[in-house]
Amino acid sequence: MYGNGAAHDLVELIRTKRVDATLQTDFSVRFETDEEGNQALKLVGEPLFEGGVHYVLRKEEDELAAKLDEAVRAAKADGTIAKLSMEWFGQDFTKSLQELGESLR
């Protein structure tokens, strides 16, 4: 098992059979397809942990942070982020791993 490098690099190591397995996020694996457009890799086992996506600001950007927090809350509440996630990624990545359940496999 190998777990060092960018997601695409690690996936390429599996494809070329230089490694047998790697630790990877479900997000990056979903975009790896074979020549016919079929899913090329699969996730196995239970997720090791659940991570989040965060925006990063300078420490003194309190006003901007408050505006971003409000905008994200509103977009989550009205379903905008879920809709965009489905449109662009084919899955609602706003849901937790528990909510997604077996759809990750």
Protein backbone atom coordinates (compact mmCIF):
# COMPACT_ATOMS: atom_id res chain seq x y z
CA MET A 1 0.00 0.00 0.00
CA TYR A 2 1.23 3.45 -0.88
CA GLY A 3 -0.18 6.75 0.36
CA ASN A 4 2.12 9.58 -0.61
CA GLY A 5 1.49 11.96 -3.49
CA ALA A 6 -1.30 13.67 -5.37
CA ALA A 7 -4.55 11.77 -5.89
CA HIS A 8 -4.05 11.40 -9.64
CA ASP A 9 -0.47 10.14 -9.15
CA LEU A 10 -1.61 7.52 -6.67
CA VAL A 11 -4.40 6.35 -8.94
CA GLU A 12 -1.94 6.10 -11.83
CA LEU A 13 0.30 3.86 -9.70
CA ILE A 14 -2.64 1.49 -9.21
CA ARG A 15 -3.58 1.56 -12.88
CA THR A 16 -0.02 0.73 -13.96
CA LYS A 17 0.17 -2.02 -11.30
CA ARG A 18 3.15 -0.40 -9.57
CA VAL A 19 1.17 -0.61 -6.30
CA ASP A 20 -1.77 -2.79 -5.30
CA ALA A 21 -3.64 -0.31 -3.09
CA THR A 22 -3.62 3.23 -1.81
CA LEU A 23 -5.53 5.39 0.64
CA GLN A 24 -7.79 7.70 -1.29
CA THR A 25 -10.88 9.85 -0.92
CA ASP A 26 -14.10 8.71 -2.54
CA PHE A 27 -14.20 12.04 -4.33
CA SER A 28 -10.99 11.49 -6.31
CA VAL A 29 -11.71 7.85 -7.13
CA ARG A 30 -15.09 8.63 -8.72
CA PHE A 31 -13.45 10.51 -11.58
CA GLU A 32 -11.16 7.67 -12.61
CA THR A 33 -12.62 5.84 -15.59
CA ASP A 34 -11.32 3.36 -18.13
CA GLU A 35 -11.17 3.89 -21.89
CA GLU A 36 -14.89 3.08 -22.24
CA GLY A 37 -15.88 5.55 -19.52
CA ASN A 38 -16.63 2.92 -16.88
CA GLN A 39 -15.55 3.27 -13.26
CA ALA A 40 -11.93 2.05 -13.20
CA LEU A 41 -11.40 1.65 -9.46
CA LYS A 42 -13.48 0.76 -6.42
CA LEU A 43 -13.55 1.73 -2.78
CA VAL A 44 -13.38 -1.13 -0.32
CA GLY A 45 -13.92 -1.41 3.43
CA GLU A 46 -15.34 1.16 5.78
CA PRO A 47 -14.09 4.75 5.53
CA LEU A 48 -11.22 5.42 7.91
CA PHE A 49 -12.51 8.88 8.78
CA GLU A 50 -14.74 11.65 7.50
CA GLY A 51 -13.12 14.92 6.49
CA GLY A 52 -14.53 18.26 5.59
CA VAL A 53 -13.92 20.98 3.09
CA HIS A 54 -13.03 24.34 4.54
CA TYR A 55 -12.27 27.75 3.19
CA VAL A 56 -9.09 29.40 4.48
CA LEU A 57 -8.75 33.09 5.22
CA ARG A 58 -6.24 35.36 6.86
CA LYS A 59 -6.81 35.59 10.63
CA GLU A 60 -7.91 39.22 10.49
CA GLU A 61 -10.69 38.59 7.94
CA ASP A 62 -13.51 38.36 10.51
CA GLU A 63 -16.04 40.30 8.42
CA LEU A 64 -15.38 38.19 5.33
CA ALA A 65 -15.57 35.00 7.41
CA ALA A 66 -18.98 36.01 8.74
CA LYS A 67 -20.25 36.76 5.23
CA LEU A 68 -18.95 33.45 3.89
CA ASP A 69 -20.43 31.53 6.83
CA GLU A 70 -23.84 33.09 6.20
CA ALA A 71 -23.69 32.48 2.44
CA VAL A 72 -22.70 28.83 2.90
CA ARG A 73 -25.40 28.26 5.54
CA ALA A 74 -28.02 29.74 3.22
CA ALA A 75 -26.82 27.75 0.20
CA LYS A 76 -26.87 24.52 2.21
CA ALA A 77 -30.30 25.28 3.67
CA ASP A 78 -31.94 25.99 0.31
CA GLY A 79 -30.27 23.02 -1.41
CA THR A 80 -28.07 25.04 -3.75
CA ILE A 81 -24.84 23.32 -2.73
CA ALA A 82 -26.41 19.85 -3.00
CA LYS A 83 -27.77 20.72 -6.45
CA LEU A 84 -24.38 21.98 -7.65
CA SER A 85 -22.68 18.91 -6.21
CA MET A 86 -25.02 16.61 -8.14
CA GLU A 87 -24.65 18.66 -11.32
CA TRP A 88 -20.86 18.80 -11.31
CA PHE A 89 -19.82 15.68 -9.40
CA GLY A 90 -22.71 13.25 -9.85
CA GLN A 91 -23.20 12.84 -6.11
CA ASP A 92 -24.36 14.98 -3.22
CA PHE A 93 -21.12 15.55 -1.32
CA THR A 94 -22.96 17.66 1.27
CA LYS A 95 -24.15 14.46 2.96
CA SER A 96 -22.17 12.72 5.69
CA LEU A 97 -20.73 9.25 5.20
CA GLN A 98 -23.52 7.80 7.33
CA GLU A 99 -26.14 9.47 5.15
CA LEU A 100 -24.45 8.20 2.00
CA GLY A 101 -24.17 4.65 3.35
CA GLU A 102 -23.64 2.02 0.71
CA SER A 103 -23.77 4.49 -2.17
CA LEU A 104 -20.02 4.99 -1.67
CA ARG A 105 -19.41 1.47 -2.91
